[in-house]
Amino acid sequence: MLKKAKEISDEKNLKNISFHAENIMEYHFDSKKYDVVFFHASLHHFDHIPEFLQKVVIKNLVPNGLLIINEFVGSNWLQYSKLQLKYINKAISIIPKEYRKIFKTNIYKNNYYGSGILRMIIADPSECVDSISILPAIHEKFNTIEEKFYGNNILQSALKDISHHFVELNPEKKKVLHQIFDMEDELLEKHPSDFVFGIYEMKT
């Protein structure tokens, strides 16, 4: 994967980018050198978020440096609330059967029960291991410049394994998607968003 990334950057003649497969907790960054640290769907894979931010991010940012995230900030190990599960299953119930056929199988998706903690740990012990701590830890050490919550509380799970049906749209599929979008907006009025895009400036 890193080799491919290097090939792409070379093709685009990008001279100011490098790739490393390292233990980030042990990698020697140049202290207080970086203007911006950006996490795209990766910060939620780290444990002990407050300590991680202090040792890896804050230590290496310049004064007033920026932290940018596009991240899952919901419940650890995707342990959704009963309300969220109710809305996910409500969304599945309005999808016509032909669009609920699971990818490369003859099985139809009828319900979503959530993922047990043991199953999550076996599949990927780093998945959302301390995601619930991300925003509190950031707000403690950074000032918020921009913070946009964009949900995905329903779509991610309702369309898992069946999203291929919605790559090419027709009027019926568009109608179904807009109904699910409306459900998500309704849920977000009474439930925290699972995903956020944020720009933060380190406190001085």
N, C-alpha and C. Protein backbone atom coordinates (compact mmCIF):
# COMPACT_ATOMS: atom_id res chain seq x y z
N MET A 1 0.81 -1.19 0.00
CA MET A 1 0.00 0.00 0.00
C MET A 1 0.87 1.27 0.00
N LEU A 2 1.89 1.29 0.85
CA LEU A 2 2.78 2.45 0.89
C LEU A 2 3.58 2.57 -0.40
N LYS A 3 3.94 1.41 -0.97
CA LYS A 3 4.67 1.43 -2.24
C LYS A 3 3.81 2.06 -3.33
N LYS A 4 2.53 1.71 -3.35
CA LYS A 4 1.62 2.27 -4.34
C LYS A 4 1.45 3.76 -4.12
N ALA A 5 1.34 4.17 -2.86
CA ALA A 5 1.20 5.59 -2.54
C ALA A 5 2.42 6.37 -3.02
N LYS A 6 3.60 5.77 -2.83
CA LYS A 6 4.84 6.41 -3.27
C LYS A 6 4.85 6.55 -4.79
N GLU A 7 4.39 5.53 -5.49
CA GLU A 7 4.35 5.57 -6.95
C GLU A 7 3.43 6.70 -7.43
N ILE A 8 2.29 6.83 -6.77
CA ILE A 8 1.34 7.88 -7.16
C ILE A 8 1.93 9.26 -6.90
N SER A 9 2.56 9.44 -5.74
CA SER A 9 3.15 10.75 -5.43
C SER A 9 4.28 11.09 -6.39
N ASP A 10 5.03 10.08 -6.79
CA ASP A 10 6.11 10.31 -7.76
C ASP A 10 5.55 10.71 -9.12
N GLU A 11 4.46 10.05 -9.51
CA GLU A 11 3.82 10.37 -10.79
C GLU A 11 3.32 11.81 -10.81
N LYS A 12 2.87 12.28 -9.66
CA LYS A 12 2.35 13.64 -9.56
C LYS A 12 3.45 14.65 -9.23
N ASN A 13 4.69 14.14 -9.15
CA ASN A 13 5.85 14.99 -8.87
C ASN A 13 5.72 15.73 -7.54
N LEU A 14 5.19 15.02 -6.53
CA LEU A 14 5.05 15.60 -5.19
C LEU A 14 6.34 15.38 -4.41
N LYS A 15 7.06 16.44 -4.16
CA LYS A 15 8.38 16.33 -3.53
C LYS A 15 8.34 16.52 -2.01
N ASN A 16 7.19 16.97 -1.49
CA ASN A 16 7.13 17.30 -0.07
C ASN A 16 6.28 16.30 0.72
N ILE A 17 6.28 15.05 0.28
CA ILE A 17 5.50 14.03 0.97
C ILE A 17 6.34 12.76 1.10
N SER A 18 6.24 12.10 2.24
CA SER A 18 6.95 10.84 2.46
C SER A 18 6.04 9.89 3.20
N PHE A 19 6.35 8.61 3.13
CA PHE A 19 5.50 7.57 3.71
C PHE A 19 6.32 6.68 4.63
N HIS A 20 5.74 6.35 5.79
CA HIS A 20 6.47 5.55 6.77
C HIS A 20 5.54 4.50 7.39
N ALA A 21 6.03 3.30 7.56
CA ALA A 21 5.33 2.26 8.33
C ALA A 21 6.07 2.12 9.65
N GLU A 22 5.58 2.82 10.66
CA GLU A 22 6.28 2.90 11.94
C GLU A 22 5.29 2.81 13.09
N ASN A 23 5.81 2.55 14.28
CA ASN A 23 5.03 2.70 15.51
C ASN A 23 5.00 4.19 15.83
N ILE A 24 3.83 4.79 15.69
CA ILE A 24 3.75 6.25 15.82
C ILE A 24 4.13 6.73 17.22
N MET A 25 3.98 5.87 18.22
CA MET A 25 4.32 6.26 19.59
C MET A 25 5.83 6.30 19.79
N GLU A 26 6.57 5.65 18.90
CA GLU A 26 8.03 5.60 19.03
C GLU A 26 8.75 6.37 17.93
N TYR A 27 8.01 6.79 16.91
CA TYR A 27 8.64 7.48 15.78
C TYR A 27 9.17 8.84 16.24
N HIS A 28 10.35 9.19 15.75
CA HIS A 28 10.98 10.45 16.16
C HIS A 28 10.55 11.59 15.23
N PHE A 29 9.52 12.32 15.66
CA PHE A 29 9.12 13.52 14.95
C PHE A 29 9.99 14.68 15.42
N ASP A 30 10.11 15.69 14.58
CA ASP A 30 10.79 16.91 14.99
C ASP A 30 9.84 17.73 15.85
N SER A 31 10.17 17.89 17.11
CA SER A 31 9.29 18.56 18.06
C SER A 31 8.97 19.99 17.63
N LYS A 32 7.68 20.34 17.77
CA LYS A 32 7.19 21.69 17.48
C LYS A 32 7.57 22.18 16.08
N LYS A 33 7.44 21.29 15.12
CA LYS A 33 7.80 21.62 13.74
C LYS A 33 6.59 21.77 12.82
N TYR A 34 5.50 21.08 13.13
CA TYR A 34 4.42 20.93 12.16
C TYR A 34 3.32 21.97 12.36
N ASP A 35 2.89 22.56 11.25
CA ASP A 35 1.83 23.56 11.28
C ASP A 35 0.45 22.92 11.41
N VAL A 36 0.30 21.75 10.80
CA VAL A 36 -1.00 21.08 10.76
C VAL A 36 -0.82 19.58 10.95
N VAL A 37 -1.70 18.98 11.74
CA VAL A 37 -1.80 17.52 11.82
C VAL A 37 -3.22 17.16 11.40
N PHE A 38 -3.34 16.24 10.45
CA PHE A 38 -4.64 15.89 9.87
C PHE A 38 -4.91 14.39 10.04
N PHE A 39 -6.05 14.08 10.62
CA PHE A 39 -6.50 12.69 10.76
C PHE A 39 -7.75 12.49 9.92
N HIS A 40 -7.66 11.58 8.96
CA HIS A 40 -8.83 11.24 8.14
C HIS A 40 -9.19 9.78 8.41
N ALA A 41 -10.25 9.57 9.18
CA ALA A 41 -10.72 8.21 9.49
C ALA A 41 -9.61 7.34 10.07
N SER A 42 -8.78 7.93 10.92
CA SER A 42 -7.66 7.17 11.50
C SER A 42 -7.51 7.38 13.00
N LEU A 43 -7.87 8.56 13.49
CA LEU A 43 -7.69 8.85 14.92
C LEU A 43 -8.48 7.89 15.80
N HIS A 44 -9.63 7.44 15.31
CA HIS A 44 -10.47 6.55 16.12
C HIS A 44 -9.86 5.15 16.29
N HIS A 45 -8.72 4.90 15.65
CA HIS A 45 -8.04 3.61 15.82
C HIS A 45 -7.00 3.64 16.94
N PHE A 46 -6.83 4.77 17.59
CA PHE A 46 -5.85 4.88 18.66
C PHE A 46 -6.52 4.83 20.03
N ASP A 47 -5.84 4.18 20.97
CA ASP A 47 -6.34 4.07 22.34
C ASP A 47 -5.76 5.21 23.18
N HIS A 48 -6.35 5.42 24.36
CA HIS A 48 -5.87 6.43 25.30
C HIS A 48 -5.69 7.78 24.58
N ILE A 49 -6.79 8.27 24.03
CA ILE A 49 -6.76 9.46 23.19
C ILE A 49 -6.12 10.68 23.87
N PRO A 50 -6.45 11.02 25.12
CA PRO A 50 -5.81 12.20 25.73
C PRO A 50 -4.28 12.09 25.74
N GLU A 51 -3.77 10.92 26.10
CA GLU A 51 -2.32 10.70 26.13
C GLU A 51 -1.74 10.76 24.72
N PHE A 52 -2.45 10.17 23.77
CA PHE A 52 -1.99 10.17 22.38
C PHE A 52 -1.88 11.59 21.84
N LEU A 53 -2.90 12.39 22.09
CA LEU A 53 -2.87 13.77 21.60
C LEU A 53 -1.69 14.53 22.19
N GLN A 54 -1.45 14.31 23.48
CA GLN A 54 -0.36 15.03 24.14
C GLN A 54 1.00 14.61 23.59
N LYS A 55 1.22 13.31 23.46
CA LYS A 55 2.55 12.80 23.10
C LYS A 55 2.85 12.85 21.61
N VAL A 56 1.82 12.78 20.78
CA VAL A 56 2.05 12.71 19.34
C VAL A 56 1.66 14.00 18.62
N VAL A 57 0.56 14.60 19.00
CA VAL A 57 0.07 15.78 18.28
C VAL A 57 0.57 17.07 18.89
N ILE A 58 0.22 17.32 20.13
CA ILE A 58 0.55 18.59 20.78
C ILE A 58 2.06 18.80 20.86
N LYS A 59 2.77 17.76 21.18
CA LYS A 59 4.23 17.84 21.31
C LYS A 59 4.91 18.28 20.02
N ASN A 60 4.31 17.97 18.89
CA ASN A 60 4.97 18.21 17.61
C ASN A 60 4.39 19.36 16.80
N LEU A 61 3.29 19.94 17.27
CA LEU A 61 2.73 21.10 16.59
C LEU A 61 3.46 22.38 16.99
N VAL A 62 3.55 23.31 16.05
CA VAL A 62 4.07 24.64 16.39
C VAL A 62 3.04 25.33 17.29
N PRO A 63 3.42 26.36 18.05
CA PRO A 63 2.43 27.12 18.82
C PRO A 63 1.31 27.61 17.89
N ASN A 64 0.08 27.48 18.34
CA ASN A 64 -1.09 27.83 17.53
C ASN A 64 -1.25 26.94 16.30
N GLY A 65 -0.62 25.76 16.33
CA GLY A 65 -0.76 24.82 15.23
C GLY A 65 -2.18 24.28 15.14
N LEU A 66 -2.52 23.72 13.99
CA LEU A 66 -3.88 23.26 13.74
C LEU A 66 -3.99 21.74 13.76
N LEU A 67 -5.08 21.27 14.31
CA LEU A 67 -5.46 19.86 14.25
C LEU A 67 -6.73 19.79 13.41
N ILE A 68 -6.72 18.97 12.37
CA ILE A 68 -7.89 18.81 11.50
C ILE A 68 -8.30 17.34 11.54
N ILE A 69 -9.59 17.10 11.75
CA ILE A 69 -10.07 15.72 11.80
C ILE A 69 -11.30 15.54 10.92
N ASN A 70 -11.41 14.38 10.33
CA ASN A 70 -12.63 13.92 9.67
C ASN A 70 -12.83 12.52 10.23
N GLU A 71 -13.64 12.40 11.28
CA GLU A 71 -13.56 11.21 12.13
C GLU A 71 -14.89 10.69 12.66
N PHE A 72 -14.86 9.39 12.97
CA PHE A 72 -15.92 8.78 13.77
C PHE A 72 -15.66 9.13 15.23
N VAL A 73 -16.66 9.71 15.90
CA VAL A 73 -16.50 10.10 17.30
C VAL A 73 -17.64 9.53 18.16
N GLY A 74 -18.27 8.48 17.66
CA GLY A 74 -19.37 7.85 18.38
C GLY A 74 -18.89 6.85 19.42
N SER A 75 -19.78 5.96 19.79
CA SER A 75 -19.53 5.02 20.89
C SER A 75 -18.38 4.07 20.59
N ASN A 76 -17.61 3.77 21.63
CA ASN A 76 -16.52 2.81 21.49
C ASN A 76 -17.05 1.48 20.95
N TRP A 77 -16.24 0.87 20.07
CA TRP A 77 -16.56 -0.44 19.48
C TRP A 77 -17.94 -0.47 18.81
N LEU A 78 -18.41 0.68 18.35
CA LEU A 78 -19.69 0.77 17.63
C LEU A 78 -20.86 0.21 18.43
N GLN A 79 -20.84 0.47 19.73
CA GLN A 79 -21.93 -0.01 20.59
C GLN A 79 -23.07 1.02 20.58
N TYR A 80 -23.91 0.91 19.56
CA TYR A 80 -24.97 1.89 19.33
C TYR A 80 -26.05 1.83 20.41
N SER A 81 -26.70 2.95 20.61
CA SER A 81 -27.82 3.03 21.55
C SER A 81 -29.04 2.31 20.97
N LYS A 82 -29.99 2.00 21.84
CA LYS A 82 -31.22 1.35 21.38
C LYS A 82 -31.97 2.23 20.40
N LEU A 83 -31.93 3.54 20.63
CA LEU A 83 -32.60 4.47 19.73
C LEU A 83 -31.97 4.44 18.34
N GLN A 84 -30.65 4.43 18.30
CA GLN A 84 -29.96 4.40 17.02
C GLN A 84 -30.24 3.09 16.27
N LEU A 85 -30.22 1.98 16.98
CA LEU A 85 -30.53 0.68 16.36
C LEU A 85 -31.95 0.67 15.82
N LYS A 86 -32.85 1.30 16.54
CA LYS A 86 -34.25 1.37 16.10
C LYS A 86 -34.35 2.10 14.76
N TYR A 87 -33.64 3.20 14.64
CA TYR A 87 -33.67 3.98 13.40
C TYR A 87 -32.98 3.25 12.25
N ILE A 88 -31.89 2.56 12.55
CA ILE A 88 -31.20 1.80 11.51
C ILE A 88 -32.13 0.73 10.93
N ASN A 89 -32.83 0.02 11.80
CA ASN A 89 -33.73 -1.03 11.34
C ASN A 89 -34.96 -0.46 10.64
N LYS A 90 -35.38 0.71 11.07
CA LYS A 90 -36.49 1.39 10.39
C LYS A 90 -36.08 1.73 8.96
N ALA A 91 -34.83 2.17 8.80
CA ALA A 91 -34.33 2.49 7.46
C ALA A 91 -34.27 1.25 6.58
N ILE A 92 -33.78 0.15 7.14
CA ILE A 92 -33.70 -1.11 6.37
C ILE A 92 -35.10 -1.55 5.92
N SER A 93 -36.09 -1.34 6.78
CA SER A 93 -37.44 -1.82 6.49
C SER A 93 -38.09 -1.11 5.30
N ILE A 94 -37.63 0.10 4.96
CA ILE A 94 -38.25 0.81 3.83
C ILE A 94 -37.51 0.55 2.51
N ILE A 95 -36.40 -0.18 2.57
CA ILE A 95 -35.65 -0.50 1.35
C ILE A 95 -36.31 -1.70 0.67
N PRO A 96 -36.71 -1.57 -0.59
CA PRO A 96 -37.33 -2.70 -1.30
C PRO A 96 -36.43 -3.94 -1.26
N LYS A 97 -37.06 -5.10 -1.22
CA LYS A 97 -36.31 -6.35 -1.05
C LYS A 97 -35.20 -6.52 -2.08
N GLU A 98 -35.46 -6.15 -3.32
CA GLU A 98 -34.47 -6.36 -4.37
C GLU A 98 -33.18 -5.60 -4.10
N TYR A 99 -33.26 -4.52 -3.32
CA TYR A 99 -32.08 -3.73 -3.00
C TYR A 99 -31.47 -4.11 -1.65
N ARG A 100 -32.04 -5.14 -1.03
CA ARG A 100 -31.51 -5.62 0.25
C ARG A 100 -30.72 -6.91 0.10
N LYS A 101 -30.49 -7.33 -1.13
CA LYS A 101 -29.71 -8.54 -1.37
C LYS A 101 -28.24 -8.25 -1.10
N ILE A 102 -27.65 -9.00 -0.18
CA ILE A 102 -26.27 -8.77 0.25
C ILE A 102 -25.29 -9.11 -0.87
N PHE A 103 -24.28 -8.31 -0.99
CA PHE A 103 -23.30 -8.39 -2.09
C PHE A 103 -22.73 -9.81 -2.23
N LYS A 104 -22.80 -10.34 -3.44
CA LYS A 104 -22.24 -11.65 -3.81
C LYS A 104 -22.82 -12.80 -2.99
N THR A 105 -24.07 -12.67 -2.57
CA THR A 105 -24.76 -13.76 -1.87
C THR A 105 -26.20 -13.82 -2.37
N ASN A 106 -26.93 -14.82 -1.88
CA ASN A 106 -28.37 -14.90 -2.13
C ASN A 106 -29.14 -14.60 -0.85
N ILE A 107 -28.47 -13.93 0.07
CA ILE A 107 -29.06 -13.61 1.37
C ILE A 107 -29.57 -12.17 1.34
N TYR A 108 -30.70 -11.95 2.01
CA TYR A 108 -31.28 -10.62 2.07
C TYR A 108 -31.10 -10.01 3.46
N LYS A 109 -30.79 -8.75 3.49
CA LYS A 109 -30.60 -8.05 4.76
C LYS A 109 -31.97 -7.61 5.27
N ASN A 110 -32.35 -8.12 6.43
CA ASN A 110 -33.66 -7.79 6.99
C ASN A 110 -33.57 -7.02 8.29
N ASN A 111 -32.47 -7.20 9.02
CA ASN A 111 -32.31 -6.54 10.31
C ASN A 111 -30.84 -6.22 10.56
N TYR A 112 -30.63 -5.29 11.45
CA TYR A 112 -29.28 -4.99 11.93
C TYR A 112 -29.31 -5.08 13.44
N TYR A 113 -28.46 -5.94 14.00
CA TYR A 113 -28.47 -6.17 15.44
C TYR A 113 -27.33 -5.48 16.17
N GLY A 114 -26.42 -4.88 15.43
CA GLY A 114 -25.24 -4.30 16.06
C GLY A 114 -24.13 -5.32 16.16
N SER A 115 -22.97 -4.85 16.60
CA SER A 115 -21.80 -5.72 16.72
C SER A 115 -21.44 -5.91 18.19
N GLY A 116 -21.31 -7.15 18.62
CA GLY A 116 -20.89 -7.42 19.99
C GLY A 116 -19.45 -6.99 20.21
N ILE A 117 -19.13 -6.64 21.44
CA ILE A 117 -17.78 -6.16 21.75
C ILE A 117 -16.73 -7.22 21.42
N LEU A 118 -16.99 -8.48 21.79
CA LEU A 118 -16.02 -9.55 21.53
C LEU A 118 -15.78 -9.69 20.03
N ARG A 119 -16.84 -9.63 19.25
CA ARG A 119 -16.70 -9.73 17.80
C ARG A 119 -15.87 -8.57 17.25
N MET A 120 -16.10 -7.39 17.77
CA MET A 120 -15.35 -6.21 17.33
C MET A 120 -13.87 -6.37 17.64
N ILE A 121 -13.57 -6.83 18.85
CA ILE A 121 -12.17 -6.97 19.27
C ILE A 121 -11.46 -8.04 18.44
N ILE A 122 -12.15 -9.14 18.16
CA ILE A 122 -11.55 -10.21 17.35
C ILE A 122 -11.29 -9.72 15.92
N ALA A 123 -12.26 -9.00 15.36
CA ALA A 123 -12.14 -8.53 13.97
C ALA A 123 -11.06 -7.46 13.84
N ASP A 124 -11.03 -6.51 14.76
CA ASP A 124 -10.05 -5.43 14.73
C ASP A 124 -10.03 -4.76 16.10
N PRO A 125 -9.08 -5.11 16.95
CA PRO A 125 -9.05 -4.56 18.31
C PRO A 125 -8.85 -3.05 18.36
N SER A 126 -8.46 -2.45 17.25
CA SER A 126 -8.26 -1.00 17.25
C SER A 126 -9.50 -0.24 16.79
N GLU A 127 -10.51 -0.94 16.31
CA GLU A 127 -11.67 -0.25 15.73
C GLU A 127 -12.47 0.49 16.80
N CYS A 128 -12.48 1.82 16.72
CA CYS A 128 -13.24 2.67 17.63
C CYS A 128 -12.93 2.35 19.10
N VAL A 129 -11.67 2.09 19.39
CA VAL A 129 -11.29 1.61 20.71
C VAL A 129 -11.47 2.68 21.79
N ASP A 130 -11.32 3.96 21.43
CA ASP A 130 -11.54 5.03 22.40
C ASP A 130 -12.15 6.25 21.71
N SER A 131 -13.00 5.98 20.74
CA SER A 131 -13.57 7.06 19.92
C SER A 131 -14.39 8.05 20.73
N ILE A 132 -15.01 7.59 21.80
CA ILE A 132 -15.86 8.46 22.60
C ILE A 132 -15.05 9.56 23.29
N SER A 133 -13.74 9.36 23.41
CA SER A 133 -12.88 10.34 24.09
C SER A 133 -12.32 11.40 23.16
N ILE A 134 -12.53 11.25 21.86
CA ILE A 134 -11.87 12.14 20.91
C ILE A 134 -12.26 13.60 21.11
N LEU A 135 -13.54 13.90 21.08
CA LEU A 135 -13.95 15.30 21.19
C LEU A 135 -13.66 15.91 22.56
N PRO A 136 -13.97 15.23 23.67
CA PRO A 136 -13.61 15.82 24.97
C PRO A 136 -12.13 16.12 25.09
N ALA A 137 -11.28 15.22 24.60
CA ALA A 137 -9.83 15.43 24.69
C ALA A 137 -9.39 16.60 23.83
N ILE A 138 -9.96 16.71 22.64
CA ILE A 138 -9.61 17.83 21.75
C ILE A 138 -10.08 19.15 22.35
N HIS A 139 -11.30 19.19 22.84
CA HIS A 139 -11.84 20.44 23.39
C HIS A 139 -11.06 20.92 24.60
N GLU A 140 -10.44 19.99 25.31
CA GLU A 140 -9.65 20.38 26.49
C GLU A 140 -8.36 21.08 26.09
N LYS A 141 -7.77 20.68 24.98
CA LYS A 141 -6.44 21.19 24.61
C LYS A 141 -6.46 22.15 23.42
N PHE A 142 -7.60 22.23 22.71
CA PHE A 142 -7.66 23.04 21.49
C PHE A 142 -8.88 23.95 21.50
N ASN A 143 -8.74 25.09 20.84
CA ASN A 143 -9.88 25.96 20.58
C ASN A 143 -10.52 25.54 19.26
N THR A 144 -11.84 25.59 19.22
CA THR A 144 -12.56 25.17 18.02
C THR A 144 -12.65 26.31 17.02
N ILE A 145 -12.14 26.07 15.83
CA ILE A 145 -12.27 27.04 14.73
C ILE A 145 -13.50 26.70 13.90
N GLU A 146 -13.66 25.43 13.59
CA GLU A 146 -14.81 24.96 12.82
C GLU A 146 -15.13 23.54 13.25
N GLU A 147 -16.42 23.26 13.39
CA GLU A 147 -16.83 21.91 13.80
C GLU A 147 -18.18 21.61 13.16
N LYS A 148 -18.18 20.67 12.24
CA LYS A 148 -19.40 20.32 11.51
C LYS A 148 -19.73 18.84 11.73
N PHE A 149 -20.87 18.60 12.33
CA PHE A 149 -21.33 17.23 12.54
C PHE A 149 -22.19 16.81 11.35
N TYR A 150 -21.88 15.65 10.78
CA TYR A 150 -22.62 15.27 9.57
C TYR A 150 -23.26 13.89 9.66
N GLY A 151 -23.47 13.40 10.85
CA GLY A 151 -24.29 12.22 11.02
C GLY A 151 -23.65 10.92 10.60
N ASN A 152 -24.26 10.28 9.61
CA ASN A 152 -23.90 8.92 9.18
C ASN A 152 -24.25 7.89 10.26
N ASN A 153 -25.13 8.28 11.17
CA ASN A 153 -25.55 7.38 12.24
C ASN A 153 -26.40 6.22 11.73
N ILE A 154 -27.08 6.43 10.61
CA ILE A 154 -27.95 5.40 10.04
C ILE A 154 -27.34 4.77 8.80
N LEU A 155 -26.89 5.62 7.88
CA LEU A 155 -26.45 5.14 6.56
C LEU A 155 -25.36 4.08 6.63
N GLN A 156 -24.37 4.31 7.48
CA GLN A 156 -23.22 3.40 7.54
C GLN A 156 -23.64 1.96 7.80
N SER A 157 -24.60 1.79 8.69
CA SER A 157 -25.01 0.44 9.08
C SER A 157 -26.17 -0.09 8.24
N ALA A 158 -27.11 0.79 7.92
CA ALA A 158 -28.27 0.35 7.13
C ALA A 158 -27.86 -0.13 5.74
N LEU A 159 -26.87 0.55 5.16
CA LEU A 159 -26.46 0.21 3.79
C LEU A 159 -25.24 -0.70 3.73
N LYS A 160 -24.73 -1.11 4.89
CA LYS A 160 -23.58 -2.02 4.89
C LYS A 160 -23.93 -3.31 4.13
N ASP A 161 -23.08 -3.70 3.22
CA ASP A 161 -23.21 -4.92 2.41
C ASP A 161 -24.27 -4.83 1.31
N ILE A 162 -25.02 -3.73 1.25
CA ILE A 162 -26.02 -3.59 0.18
C ILE A 162 -25.89 -2.26 -0.56
N SER A 163 -24.88 -1.50 -0.24
CA SER A 163 -24.74 -0.16 -0.85
C SER A 163 -24.48 -0.22 -2.35
N HIS A 164 -24.00 -1.38 -2.84
CA HIS A 164 -23.73 -1.49 -4.28
C HIS A 164 -24.98 -1.31 -5.12
N HIS A 165 -26.15 -1.55 -4.52
CA HIS A 165 -27.40 -1.36 -5.25
C HIS A 165 -27.67 0.11 -5.55
N PHE A 166 -26.98 1.00 -4.83
CA PHE A 166 -27.27 2.43 -4.96
C PHE A 166 -26.16 3.19 -5.67
N VAL A 167 -25.26 2.47 -6.32
CA VAL A 167 -24.21 3.14 -7.09
C VAL A 167 -24.82 3.84 -8.30
N GLU A 168 -25.67 3.11 -9.01
CA GLU A 168 -26.42 3.69 -10.12
C GLU A 168 -27.86 3.92 -9.65
N LEU A 169 -28.31 5.16 -9.75
CA LEU A 169 -29.60 5.53 -9.17
C LEU A 169 -30.71 5.60 -10.22
N ASN A 170 -31.92 5.31 -9.75
CA ASN A 170 -33.13 5.54 -10.52
C ASN A 170 -34.10 6.29 -9.61
N PRO A 171 -35.24 6.73 -10.08
CA PRO A 171 -36.16 7.49 -9.23
C PRO A 171 -36.56 6.77 -7.94
N GLU A 172 -36.77 5.46 -8.01
CA GLU A 172 -37.15 4.70 -6.82
C GLU A 172 -36.02 4.70 -5.78
N LYS A 173 -34.80 4.46 -6.23
CA LYS A 173 -33.66 4.45 -5.31
C LYS A 173 -33.43 5.83 -4.69
N LYS A 174 -33.57 6.86 -5.50
CA LYS A 174 -33.41 8.23 -4.98
C LYS A 174 -34.44 8.52 -3.89
N LYS A 175 -35.66 8.08 -4.12
CA LYS A 175 -36.72 8.29 -3.13
C LYS A 175 -36.39 7.59 -1.82
N VAL A 176 -35.91 6.35 -1.91
CA VAL A 176 -35.53 5.59 -0.71
C VAL A 176 -34.41 6.30 0.04
N LEU A 177 -33.39 6.72 -0.68
CA LEU A 177 -32.26 7.40 -0.04
C LEU A 177 -32.71 8.68 0.65
N HIS A 178 -33.55 9.46 0.00
CA HIS A 178 -34.01 10.71 0.61
C HIS A 178 -34.86 10.44 1.85
N GLN A 179 -35.60 9.35 1.85
CA GLN A 179 -36.36 8.97 3.05
C GLN A 179 -35.41 8.64 4.20
N ILE A 180 -34.32 7.94 3.88
CA ILE A 180 -33.33 7.60 4.92
C ILE A 180 -32.61 8.86 5.39
N PHE A 181 -32.30 9.78 4.46
CA PHE A 181 -31.68 11.05 4.85
C PHE A 181 -32.58 11.78 5.84
N ASP A 182 -33.88 11.80 5.57
CA ASP A 182 -34.83 12.47 6.46
C ASP A 182 -34.86 11.80 7.83
N MET A 183 -34.80 10.47 7.84
CA MET A 183 -34.75 9.74 9.12
C MET A 183 -33.52 10.13 9.91
N GLU A 184 -32.39 10.24 9.21
CA GLU A 184 -31.15 10.59 9.90
C GLU A 184 -31.23 11.99 10.49
N ASP A 185 -31.79 12.92 9.73
CA ASP A 185 -31.96 14.28 10.25
C ASP A 185 -32.83 14.27 11.50
N GLU A 186 -33.87 13.46 11.47
CA GLU A 186 -34.76 13.34 12.63
C GLU A 186 -34.02 12.77 13.83
N LEU A 187 -33.22 11.73 13.60
CA LEU A 187 -32.45 11.12 14.69
C LEU A 187 -31.46 12.11 15.28
N LEU A 188 -30.80 12.90 14.43
CA LEU A 188 -29.77 13.82 14.91
C LEU A 188 -30.33 14.96 15.75
N GLU A 189 -31.64 15.15 15.71
CA GLU A 189 -32.26 16.15 16.57
C GLU A 189 -32.29 15.69 18.03
N LYS A 190 -32.12 14.38 18.25
CA LYS A 190 -32.20 13.86 19.62
C LYS A 190 -31.07 12.89 19.95
N HIS A 191 -30.06 12.82 19.08
CA HIS A 191 -28.96 11.88 19.30
C HIS A 191 -27.68 12.49 18.75
N PRO A 192 -26.55 12.36 19.46
CA PRO A 192 -25.28 12.92 18.97
C PRO A 192 -24.87 12.33 17.63
N SER A 193 -24.20 13.14 16.82
CA SER A 193 -23.68 12.69 15.53
C SER A 193 -22.50 11.76 15.74
N ASP A 194 -22.40 10.74 14.89
CA ASP A 194 -21.27 9.81 14.97
C ASP A 194 -20.03 10.35 14.26
N PHE A 195 -20.22 11.26 13.32
CA PHE A 195 -19.09 11.74 12.52
C PHE A 195 -18.98 13.25 12.58
N VAL A 196 -17.76 13.73 12.50
CA VAL A 196 -17.51 15.17 12.56
C VAL A 196 -16.32 15.54 11.70
N PHE A 197 -16.40 16.72 11.10
CA PHE A 197 -15.23 17.36 10.49
C PHE A 197 -14.92 18.56 11.36
N GLY A 198 -13.68 18.66 11.83
CA GLY A 198 -13.33 19.76 12.72
C GLY A 198 -11.96 20.33 12.45
N ILE A 199 -11.85 21.63 12.69
CA ILE A 199 -10.56 22.33 12.62
C ILE A 199 -10.35 22.99 13.97
N TYR A 200 -9.21 22.72 14.59
CA TYR A 200 -8.94 23.18 15.95
C TYR A 200 -7.55 23.81 16.03
N GLU A 201 -7.45 24.84 16.87
CA GLU A 201 -6.17 25.51 17.07
C GLU A 201 -5.68 25.24 18.48
N MET A 202 -4.43 24.87 18.60
CA MET A 202 -3.88 24.51 19.90
C MET A 202 -3.92 25.71 20.84
N LYS A 203 -4.38 25.46 22.06
CA LYS A 203 -4.43 26.52 23.06
C LYS A 203 -3.02 26.91 23.49
N THR A 204 -2.86 28.18 23.82
CA THR A 204 -1.54 28.65 24.28
C THR A 204 -1.58 28.96 25.76
